[in-house]
mmCIF file of all heavy atoms, coordinates in Angstrom:
data_MODEL
# 
_entry.id   MODEL 
# 
loop_
_atom_site.group_PDB 
_atom_site.id 
_atom_site.type_symbol 
_atom_site.label_atom_id 
_atom_site.label_alt_id 
_atom_site.label_comp_id 
_atom_site.label_asym_id 
_atom_site.label_entity_id 
_atom_site.label_seq_id 
_atom_site.pdbx_PDB_ins_code 
_atom_site.Cartn_x 
_atom_site.Cartn_y 
_atom_site.Cartn_z 
_atom_site.occupancy 
_atom_site.B_iso_or_equiv 
_atom_site.pdbx_formal_charge 
_atom_site.auth_seq_id 
_atom_site.auth_comp_id 
_atom_site.auth_asym_id 
_atom_site.auth_atom_id 
_atom_site.pdbx_PDB_model_num 
ATOM 1   N N   . LYS A 1 1  ? 105.379 55.149 17.275 1.00 0.00 ? 1  LYS A N   1 
ATOM 2   C CA  . LYS A 1 1  ? 104.120 54.495 16.932 1.00 0.00 ? 1  LYS A CA  1 
ATOM 3   C C   . LYS A 1 1  ? 103.114 54.533 18.039 1.00 0.00 ? 1  LYS A C   1 
ATOM 4   O O   . LYS A 1 1  ? 103.483 54.031 19.146 1.00 0.00 ? 1  LYS A O   1 
ATOM 5   C CB  . LYS A 1 1  ? 104.354 53.085 16.446 1.00 0.00 ? 1  LYS A CB  1 
ATOM 6   C CG  . LYS A 1 1  ? 103.106 52.371 15.906 1.00 0.00 ? 1  LYS A CG  1 
ATOM 7   C CD  . LYS A 1 1  ? 103.381 51.051 15.363 1.00 0.00 ? 1  LYS A CD  1 
ATOM 8   C CE  . LYS A 1 1  ? 102.177 50.391 14.777 1.00 0.00 ? 1  LYS A CE  1 
ATOM 9   N NZ  . LYS A 1 1  ? 102.429 49.015 14.369 1.00 0.00 ? 1  LYS A NZ  1 
ATOM 10  N N   . ILE A 1 2  ? 101.949 55.086 17.824 1.00 0.00 ? 2  ILE A N   1 
ATOM 11  C CA  . ILE A 1 2  ? 100.906 55.134 18.863 1.00 0.00 ? 2  ILE A CA  1 
ATOM 12  C C   . ILE A 1 2  ? 99.933  54.092 18.780 1.00 0.00 ? 2  ILE A C   1 
ATOM 13  O O   . ILE A 1 2  ? 99.380  53.842 17.670 1.00 0.00 ? 2  ILE A O   1 
ATOM 14  C CB  . ILE A 1 2  ? 100.201 56.537 18.849 1.00 0.00 ? 2  ILE A CB  1 
ATOM 15  C CG1 . ILE A 1 2  ? 101.250 57.664 19.034 1.00 0.00 ? 2  ILE A CG1 1 
ATOM 16  C CG2 . ILE A 1 2  ? 99.137  56.607 19.891 1.00 0.00 ? 2  ILE A CG2 1 
ATOM 17  C CD1 . ILE A 1 2  ? 100.710 59.084 18.880 1.00 0.00 ? 2  ILE A CD1 1 
ATOM 18  N N   . ASN A 1 3  ? 99.667  53.344 19.857 1.00 0.00 ? 3  ASN A N   1 
ATOM 19  C CA  . ASN A 1 3  ? 98.707  52.252 19.881 1.00 0.00 ? 3  ASN A CA  1 
ATOM 20  C C   . ASN A 1 3  ? 97.250  52.854 20.056 1.00 0.00 ? 3  ASN A C   1 
ATOM 21  O O   . ASN A 1 3  ? 96.897  53.457 21.068 1.00 0.00 ? 3  ASN A O   1 
ATOM 22  C CB  . ASN A 1 3  ? 98.944  51.306 21.034 1.00 0.00 ? 3  ASN A CB  1 
ATOM 23  C CG  . ASN A 1 3  ? 97.969  50.113 20.983 1.00 0.00 ? 3  ASN A CG  1 
ATOM 24  O OD1 . ASN A 1 3  ? 97.271  49.940 20.068 1.00 0.00 ? 3  ASN A OD1 1 
ATOM 25  N ND2 . ASN A 1 3  ? 97.995  49.285 22.109 1.00 0.00 ? 3  ASN A ND2 1 
ATOM 26  N N   . LEU A 1 4  ? 96.417  52.725 18.955 1.00 0.00 ? 4  LEU A N   1 
ATOM 27  C CA  . LEU A 1 4  ? 95.069  53.322 19.048 1.00 0.00 ? 4  LEU A CA  1 
ATOM 28  C C   . LEU A 1 4  ? 94.022  52.303 19.486 1.00 0.00 ? 4  LEU A C   1 
ATOM 29  O O   . LEU A 1 4  ? 92.874  52.674 19.582 1.00 0.00 ? 4  LEU A O   1 
ATOM 30  C CB  . LEU A 1 4  ? 94.682  53.834 17.580 1.00 0.00 ? 4  LEU A CB  1 
ATOM 31  C CG  . LEU A 1 4  ? 95.547  54.958 17.042 1.00 0.00 ? 4  LEU A CG  1 
ATOM 32  C CD1 . LEU A 1 4  ? 95.131  55.360 15.700 1.00 0.00 ? 4  LEU A CD1 1 
ATOM 33  C CD2 . LEU A 1 4  ? 95.548  56.151 18.043 1.00 0.00 ? 4  LEU A CD2 1 
ATOM 34  N N   . ASN A 1 5  ? 94.395  51.043 19.655 1.00 0.00 ? 5  ASN A N   1 
ATOM 35  C CA  . ASN A 1 5  ? 93.492  50.016 20.058 1.00 0.00 ? 5  ASN A CA  1 
ATOM 36  C C   . ASN A 1 5  ? 93.508  49.916 21.619 1.00 0.00 ? 5  ASN A C   1 
ATOM 37  O O   . ASN A 1 5  ? 94.556  49.503 22.219 1.00 0.00 ? 5  ASN A O   1 
ATOM 38  C CB  . ASN A 1 5  ? 93.813  48.650 19.490 1.00 0.00 ? 5  ASN A CB  1 
ATOM 39  C CG  . ASN A 1 5  ? 92.817  47.581 19.797 1.00 0.00 ? 5  ASN A CG  1 
ATOM 40  O OD1 . ASN A 1 5  ? 91.865  47.814 20.510 1.00 0.00 ? 5  ASN A OD1 1 
ATOM 41  N ND2 . ASN A 1 5  ? 93.002  46.437 19.149 1.00 0.00 ? 5  ASN A ND2 1 
ATOM 42  N N   . PRO A 1 6  ? 92.386  50.307 22.333 1.00 0.00 ? 6  PRO A N   1 
ATOM 43  C CA  . PRO A 1 6  ? 92.470  50.271 23.803 1.00 0.00 ? 6  PRO A CA  1 
ATOM 44  C C   . PRO A 1 6  ? 92.492  48.907 24.317 1.00 0.00 ? 6  PRO A C   1 
ATOM 45  O O   . PRO A 1 6  ? 92.852  48.655 25.494 1.00 0.00 ? 6  PRO A O   1 
ATOM 46  C CB  . PRO A 1 6  ? 91.194  51.016 24.176 1.00 0.00 ? 6  PRO A CB  1 
ATOM 47  C CG  . PRO A 1 6  ? 90.225  50.769 23.113 1.00 0.00 ? 6  PRO A CG  1 
ATOM 48  C CD  . PRO A 1 6  ? 91.117  50.751 21.860 1.00 0.00 ? 6  PRO A CD  1 
ATOM 49  N N   . PHE A 1 7  ? 92.138  47.851 23.573 1.00 0.00 ? 7  PHE A N   1 
ATOM 50  C CA  . PHE A 1 7  ? 92.051  46.427 24.130 1.00 0.00 ? 7  PHE A CA  1 
ATOM 51  C C   . PHE A 1 7  ? 93.398  45.771 23.838 1.00 0.00 ? 7  PHE A C   1 
ATOM 52  O O   . PHE A 1 7  ? 93.533  44.552 24.234 1.00 0.00 ? 7  PHE A O   1 
ATOM 53  C CB  . PHE A 1 7  ? 90.921  45.723 23.428 1.00 0.00 ? 7  PHE A CB  1 
ATOM 54  C CG  . PHE A 1 7  ? 89.573  46.351 23.738 1.00 0.00 ? 7  PHE A CG  1 
ATOM 55  C CD1 . PHE A 1 7  ? 88.888  47.063 22.786 1.00 0.00 ? 7  PHE A CD1 1 
ATOM 56  C CD2 . PHE A 1 7  ? 89.024  46.126 24.972 1.00 0.00 ? 7  PHE A CD2 1 
ATOM 57  C CE1 . PHE A 1 7  ? 87.731  47.676 23.037 1.00 0.00 ? 7  PHE A CE1 1 
ATOM 58  C CE2 . PHE A 1 7  ? 87.748  46.623 25.234 1.00 0.00 ? 7  PHE A CE2 1 
ATOM 59  C CZ  . PHE A 1 7  ? 87.089  47.501 24.283 1.00 0.00 ? 7  PHE A CZ  1 
ATOM 60  N N   . GLN A 1 8  ? 94.285  46.385 23.156 1.00 0.00 ? 8  GLN A N   1 
ATOM 61  C CA  . GLN A 1 8  ? 95.542  45.739 22.831 1.00 0.00 ? 8  GLN A CA  1 
ATOM 62  C C   . GLN A 1 8  ? 96.670  46.443 23.698 1.00 0.00 ? 8  GLN A C   1 
ATOM 63  O O   . GLN A 1 8  ? 96.811  47.612 23.526 1.00 0.00 ? 8  GLN A O   1 
ATOM 64  C CB  . GLN A 1 8  ? 95.931  45.838 21.372 1.00 0.00 ? 8  GLN A CB  1 
ATOM 65  C CG  . GLN A 1 8  ? 97.261  45.116 21.013 1.00 0.00 ? 8  GLN A CG  1 
ATOM 66  C CD  . GLN A 1 8  ? 97.540  45.270 19.544 1.00 0.00 ? 8  GLN A CD  1 
ATOM 67  O OE1 . GLN A 1 8  ? 96.718  45.798 18.798 1.00 0.00 ? 8  GLN A OE1 1 
ATOM 68  N NE2 . GLN A 1 8  ? 98.671  44.825 19.094 1.00 0.00 ? 8  GLN A NE2 1 
ATOM 69  N N   . PRO A 1 9  ? 97.257  45.695 24.615 1.00 0.00 ? 9  PRO A N   1 
ATOM 70  C CA  . PRO A 1 9  ? 98.269  46.309 25.445 1.00 0.00 ? 9  PRO A CA  1 
ATOM 71  C C   . PRO A 1 9  ? 99.481  46.742 24.644 1.00 0.00 ? 9  PRO A C   1 
ATOM 72  O O   . PRO A 1 9  ? 99.850  46.180 23.628 1.00 0.00 ? 9  PRO A O   1 
ATOM 73  C CB  . PRO A 1 9  ? 98.624  45.205 26.415 1.00 0.00 ? 9  PRO A CB  1 
ATOM 74  C CG  . PRO A 1 9  ? 98.283  43.905 25.758 1.00 0.00 ? 9  PRO A CG  1 
ATOM 75  C CD  . PRO A 1 9  ? 97.154  44.205 24.796 1.00 0.00 ? 9  PRO A CD  1 
ATOM 76  N N   . SER A 1 10 ? 100.023 47.813 25.103 1.00 0.00 ? 10 SER A N   1 
ATOM 77  C CA  . SER A 1 10 ? 101.179 48.318 24.409 1.00 0.00 ? 10 SER A CA  1 
ATOM 78  C C   . SER A 1 10 ? 102.396 47.461 24.652 1.00 0.00 ? 10 SER A C   1 
ATOM 79  O O   . SER A 1 10 ? 102.512 46.778 25.766 1.00 0.00 ? 10 SER A O   1 
ATOM 80  C CB  . SER A 1 10 ? 101.528 49.747 24.945 1.00 0.00 ? 10 SER A CB  1 
ATOM 81  O OG  . SER A 1 10 ? 100.436 50.612 24.724 1.00 0.00 ? 10 SER A OG  1 
ATOM 82  N N   . PRO A 1 11 ? 103.263 47.231 23.752 1.00 0.00 ? 11 PRO A N   1 
ATOM 83  C CA  . PRO A 1 11 ? 104.417 46.313 23.934 1.00 0.00 ? 11 PRO A CA  1 
ATOM 84  C C   . PRO A 1 11 ? 105.358 46.890 24.944 1.00 0.00 ? 11 PRO A C   1 
ATOM 85  O O   . PRO A 1 11 ? 105.484 48.134 25.163 1.00 0.00 ? 11 PRO A O   1 
ATOM 86  C CB  . PRO A 1 11 ? 105.065 46.318 22.563 1.00 0.00 ? 11 PRO A CB  1 
ATOM 87  C CG  . PRO A 1 11 ? 104.644 47.552 21.893 1.00 0.00 ? 11 PRO A CG  1 
ATOM 88  C CD  . PRO A 1 11 ? 103.211 47.829 22.334 1.00 0.00 ? 11 PRO A CD  1 
ATOM 89  N N   . ALA A 1 12 ? 105.806 45.998 25.778 1.00 0.00 ? 12 ALA A N   1 
ATOM 90  C CA  . ALA A 1 12 ? 106.822 46.443 26.870 1.00 0.00 ? 12 ALA A CA  1 
ATOM 91  C C   . ALA A 1 12 ? 108.052 46.972 26.168 1.00 0.00 ? 12 ALA A C   1 
ATOM 92  O O   . ALA A 1 12 ? 108.491 46.538 25.171 1.00 0.00 ? 12 ALA A O   1 
ATOM 93  C CB  . ALA A 1 12 ? 107.069 45.263 27.797 1.00 0.00 ? 12 ALA A CB  1 
ATOM 94  N N   . LYS A 1 13 ? 108.604 47.888 26.935 1.00 0.00 ? 13 LYS A N   1 
ATOM 95  C CA  . LYS A 1 13 ? 109.841 48.396 26.477 1.00 0.00 ? 13 LYS A CA  1 
ATOM 96  C C   . LYS A 1 13 ? 111.004 47.342 26.514 1.00 0.00 ? 13 LYS A C   1 
ATOM 97  O O   . LYS A 1 13 ? 111.018 46.581 27.499 1.00 0.00 ? 13 LYS A O   1 
ATOM 98  C CB  . LYS A 1 13 ? 110.268 49.631 27.327 1.00 0.00 ? 13 LYS A CB  1 
ATOM 99  C CG  . LYS A 1 13 ? 109.335 50.804 27.181 1.00 0.00 ? 13 LYS A CG  1 
ATOM 100 C CD  . LYS A 1 13 ? 109.833 51.915 28.034 1.00 0.00 ? 13 LYS A CD  1 
ATOM 101 C CE  . LYS A 1 13 ? 108.788 53.139 27.955 1.00 0.00 ? 13 LYS A CE  1 
ATOM 102 N NZ  . LYS A 1 13 ? 109.181 54.272 28.816 1.00 0.00 ? 13 LYS A NZ  1 
ATOM 103 N N   . PRO A 1 14 ? 111.827 47.332 25.606 1.00 0.00 ? 14 PRO A N   1 
ATOM 104 C CA  . PRO A 1 14 ? 112.886 46.246 25.614 1.00 0.00 ? 14 PRO A CA  1 
ATOM 105 C C   . PRO A 1 14 ? 113.745 46.276 26.733 1.00 0.00 ? 14 PRO A C   1 
ATOM 106 O O   . PRO A 1 14 ? 114.396 45.328 27.115 1.00 0.00 ? 14 PRO A O   1 
ATOM 107 C CB  . PRO A 1 14 ? 113.538 46.465 24.230 1.00 0.00 ? 14 PRO A CB  1 
ATOM 108 C CG  . PRO A 1 14 ? 113.260 47.848 23.891 1.00 0.00 ? 14 PRO A CG  1 
ATOM 109 C CD  . PRO A 1 14 ? 111.932 48.147 24.387 1.00 0.00 ? 14 PRO A CD  1 
ATOM 110 N N   . ASP A 1 15 ? 113.965 47.463 27.288 1.00 0.00 ? 15 ASP A N   1 
ATOM 111 C CA  . ASP A 1 15 ? 114.845 47.612 28.378 1.00 0.00 ? 15 ASP A CA  1 
ATOM 112 C C   . ASP A 1 15 ? 114.262 47.478 29.777 1.00 0.00 ? 15 ASP A C   1 
ATOM 113 O O   . ASP A 1 15 ? 114.859 47.741 30.758 1.00 0.00 ? 15 ASP A O   1 
ATOM 114 C CB  . ASP A 1 15 ? 115.671 49.065 28.321 1.00 0.00 ? 15 ASP A CB  1 
ATOM 115 C CG  . ASP A 1 15 ? 114.629 50.165 28.271 1.00 0.00 ? 15 ASP A CG  1 
ATOM 116 O OD1 . ASP A 1 15 ? 113.422 49.933 28.084 1.00 0.00 ? 15 ASP A OD1 1 
ATOM 117 O OD2 . ASP A 1 15 ? 115.066 51.329 28.553 1.00 0.00 ? 15 ASP A OD2 1 
ATOM 118 N N   . SER A 1 16 ? 112.952 47.203 29.823 1.00 0.00 ? 16 SER A N   1 
ATOM 119 C CA  . SER A 1 16 ? 112.289 47.085 31.102 1.00 0.00 ? 16 SER A CA  1 
ATOM 120 C C   . SER A 1 16 ? 112.334 45.596 31.575 1.00 0.00 ? 16 SER A C   1 
ATOM 121 O O   . SER A 1 16 ? 111.879 44.682 30.933 1.00 0.00 ? 16 SER A O   1 
ATOM 122 C CB  . SER A 1 16 ? 110.788 47.418 30.974 1.00 0.00 ? 16 SER A CB  1 
ATOM 123 O OG  . SER A 1 16 ? 110.677 48.830 30.593 1.00 0.00 ? 16 SER A OG  1 
ATOM 124 N N   . PRO A 1 17 ? 113.002 45.356 32.739 1.00 0.00 ? 17 PRO A N   1 
ATOM 125 C CA  . PRO A 1 17 ? 113.076 44.024 33.231 1.00 0.00 ? 17 PRO A CA  1 
ATOM 126 C C   . PRO A 1 17 ? 111.807 43.522 33.730 1.00 0.00 ? 17 PRO A C   1 
ATOM 127 O O   . PRO A 1 17 ? 110.943 44.225 34.203 1.00 0.00 ? 17 PRO A O   1 
ATOM 128 C CB  . PRO A 1 17 ? 114.108 44.114 34.414 1.00 0.00 ? 17 PRO A CB  1 
ATOM 129 C CG  . PRO A 1 17 ? 113.920 45.544 34.887 1.00 0.00 ? 17 PRO A CG  1 
ATOM 130 C CD  . PRO A 1 17 ? 113.643 46.405 33.672 1.00 0.00 ? 17 PRO A CD  1 
ATOM 131 N N   . PRO A 1 18 ? 111.471 42.186 33.654 1.00 0.00 ? 18 PRO A N   1 
ATOM 132 C CA  . PRO A 1 18 ? 110.222 41.619 34.043 1.00 0.00 ? 18 PRO A CA  1 
ATOM 133 C C   . PRO A 1 18 ? 110.073 41.723 35.632 1.00 0.00 ? 18 PRO A C   1 
ATOM 134 O O   . PRO A 1 18 ? 111.066 41.734 36.297 1.00 0.00 ? 18 PRO A O   1 
ATOM 135 C CB  . PRO A 1 18 ? 110.279 40.185 33.651 1.00 0.00 ? 18 PRO A CB  1 
ATOM 136 C CG  . PRO A 1 18 ? 111.667 39.938 33.521 1.00 0.00 ? 18 PRO A CG  1 
ATOM 137 C CD  . PRO A 1 18 ? 112.376 41.143 33.065 1.00 0.00 ? 18 PRO A CD  1 
ATOM 138 N N   . PRO A 1 19 ? 108.815 41.881 36.109 1.00 0.00 ? 19 PRO A N   1 
ATOM 139 C CA  . PRO A 1 19 ? 108.737 42.041 37.586 1.00 0.00 ? 19 PRO A CA  1 
ATOM 140 C C   . PRO A 1 19 ? 109.186 40.743 38.239 1.00 0.00 ? 19 PRO A C   1 
ATOM 141 O O   . PRO A 1 19 ? 109.027 39.647 37.747 1.00 0.00 ? 19 PRO A O   1 
ATOM 142 C CB  . PRO A 1 19 ? 107.212 42.263 37.823 1.00 0.00 ? 19 PRO A CB  1 
ATOM 143 C CG  . PRO A 1 19 ? 106.597 41.697 36.532 1.00 0.00 ? 19 PRO A CG  1 
ATOM 144 C CD  . PRO A 1 19 ? 107.536 41.961 35.424 1.00 0.00 ? 19 PRO A CD  1 
ATOM 145 N N   . PRO A 1 20 ? 109.825 40.905 39.416 1.00 0.00 ? 20 PRO A N   1 
ATOM 146 C CA  . PRO A 1 20 ? 110.266 39.683 40.096 1.00 0.00 ? 20 PRO A CA  1 
ATOM 147 C C   . PRO A 1 20 ? 109.146 38.797 40.564 1.00 0.00 ? 20 PRO A C   1 
ATOM 148 O O   . PRO A 1 20 ? 108.065 39.276 40.909 1.00 0.00 ? 20 PRO A O   1 
ATOM 149 C CB  . PRO A 1 20 ? 111.044 40.212 41.376 1.00 0.00 ? 20 PRO A CB  1 
ATOM 150 C CG  . PRO A 1 20 ? 110.356 41.547 41.576 1.00 0.00 ? 20 PRO A CG  1 
ATOM 151 C CD  . PRO A 1 20 ? 110.046 42.072 40.182 1.00 0.00 ? 20 PRO A CD  1 
ATOM 152 N N   . ARG A 1 21 ? 109.285 37.493 40.451 1.00 0.00 ? 21 ARG A N   1 
ATOM 153 C CA  . ARG A 1 21 ? 108.300 36.569 40.815 1.00 0.00 ? 21 ARG A CA  1 
ATOM 154 C C   . ARG A 1 21 ? 108.431 36.245 42.248 1.00 0.00 ? 21 ARG A C   1 
ATOM 155 O O   . ARG A 1 21 ? 109.454 35.883 42.813 1.00 0.00 ? 21 ARG A O   1 
ATOM 156 C CB  . ARG A 1 21 ? 108.435 35.224 39.951 1.00 0.00 ? 21 ARG A CB  1 
ATOM 157 C CG  . ARG A 1 21 ? 107.409 34.188 40.283 1.00 0.00 ? 21 ARG A CG  1 
ATOM 158 C CD  . ARG A 1 21 ? 107.618 33.035 39.373 1.00 0.00 ? 21 ARG A CD  1 
ATOM 159 N NE  . ARG A 1 21 ? 106.637 31.994 39.568 1.00 0.00 ? 21 ARG A NE  1 
ATOM 160 C CZ  . ARG A 1 21 ? 106.575 30.786 38.944 1.00 0.00 ? 21 ARG A CZ  1 
ATOM 161 N NH1 . ARG A 1 21 ? 107.503 30.540 38.110 1.00 0.00 ? 21 ARG A NH1 1 
ATOM 162 N NH2 . ARG A 1 21 ? 105.605 30.000 39.214 1.00 0.00 ? 21 ARG A NH2 1 
ATOM 163 N N   . ARG A 1 22 ? 107.183 36.403 42.947 1.00 0.00 ? 22 ARG A N   1 
ATOM 164 C CA  . ARG A 1 22 ? 107.256 36.280 44.467 1.00 0.00 ? 22 ARG A CA  1 
ATOM 165 C C   . ARG A 1 22 ? 106.954 34.764 44.723 1.00 0.00 ? 22 ARG A C   1 
ATOM 166 O O   . ARG A 1 22 ? 106.071 34.205 44.253 1.00 0.00 ? 22 ARG A O   1 
ATOM 167 C CB  . ARG A 1 22 ? 106.164 37.105 45.030 1.00 0.00 ? 22 ARG A CB  1 
ATOM 168 C CG  . ARG A 1 22 ? 106.293 37.187 46.639 1.00 0.00 ? 22 ARG A CG  1 
ATOM 169 C CD  . ARG A 1 22 ? 105.239 38.173 47.144 1.00 0.00 ? 22 ARG A CD  1 
ATOM 170 N NE  . ARG A 1 22 ? 105.303 38.259 48.563 1.00 0.00 ? 22 ARG A NE  1 
ATOM 171 C CZ  . ARG A 1 22 ? 104.521 38.955 49.296 1.00 0.00 ? 22 ARG A CZ  1 
ATOM 172 N NH1 . ARG A 1 22 ? 103.533 39.718 48.730 1.00 0.00 ? 22 ARG A NH1 1 
ATOM 173 N NH2 . ARG A 1 22 ? 104.689 39.045 50.607 1.00 0.00 ? 22 ARG A NH2 1 
ATOM 174 N N   . THR A 1 23 ? 107.808 34.291 45.605 1.00 0.00 ? 23 THR A N   1 
ATOM 175 C CA  . THR A 1 23 ? 107.623 32.881 46.084 1.00 0.00 ? 23 THR A CA  1 
ATOM 176 C C   . THR A 1 23 ? 107.307 32.856 47.566 1.00 0.00 ? 23 THR A C   1 
ATOM 177 O O   . THR A 1 23 ? 107.696 33.779 48.243 1.00 0.00 ? 23 THR A O   1 
ATOM 178 C CB  . THR A 1 23 ? 108.909 32.078 45.785 1.00 0.00 ? 23 THR A CB  1 
ATOM 179 O OG1 . THR A 1 23 ? 109.959 32.643 46.470 1.00 0.00 ? 23 THR A OG1 1 
ATOM 180 C CG2 . THR A 1 23 ? 109.180 32.052 44.325 1.00 0.00 ? 23 THR A CG2 1 
ATOM 181 N N   . PHE A 1 24 ? 106.549 31.830 48.006 1.00 0.00 ? 24 PHE A N   1 
ATOM 182 C CA  . PHE A 1 24 ? 106.223 31.687 49.422 1.00 0.00 ? 24 PHE A CA  1 
ATOM 183 C C   . PHE A 1 24 ? 106.680 30.430 49.924 1.00 0.00 ? 24 PHE A C   1 
ATOM 184 O O   . PHE A 1 24 ? 106.679 29.347 49.196 1.00 0.00 ? 24 PHE A O   1 
ATOM 185 C CB  . PHE A 1 24 ? 104.674 31.756 49.489 1.00 0.00 ? 24 PHE A CB  1 
ATOM 186 C CG  . PHE A 1 24 ? 103.985 33.002 48.960 1.00 0.00 ? 24 PHE A CG  1 
ATOM 187 C CD1 . PHE A 1 24 ? 103.486 33.039 47.679 1.00 0.00 ? 24 PHE A CD1 1 
ATOM 188 C CD2 . PHE A 1 24 ? 103.967 34.163 49.780 1.00 0.00 ? 24 PHE A CD2 1 
ATOM 189 C CE1 . PHE A 1 24 ? 102.963 34.186 47.142 1.00 0.00 ? 24 PHE A CE1 1 
ATOM 190 C CE2 . PHE A 1 24 ? 103.431 35.328 49.200 1.00 0.00 ? 24 PHE A CE2 1 
ATOM 191 C CZ  . PHE A 1 24 ? 102.898 35.378 47.961 1.00 0.00 ? 24 PHE A CZ  1 
# 
């Protein structure tokens, strides 16, 4: 399925882990 709406972000792949949260 191709997303034709440029303002709607494509759903993330189910196997992609979320980016690590940086703490200070």
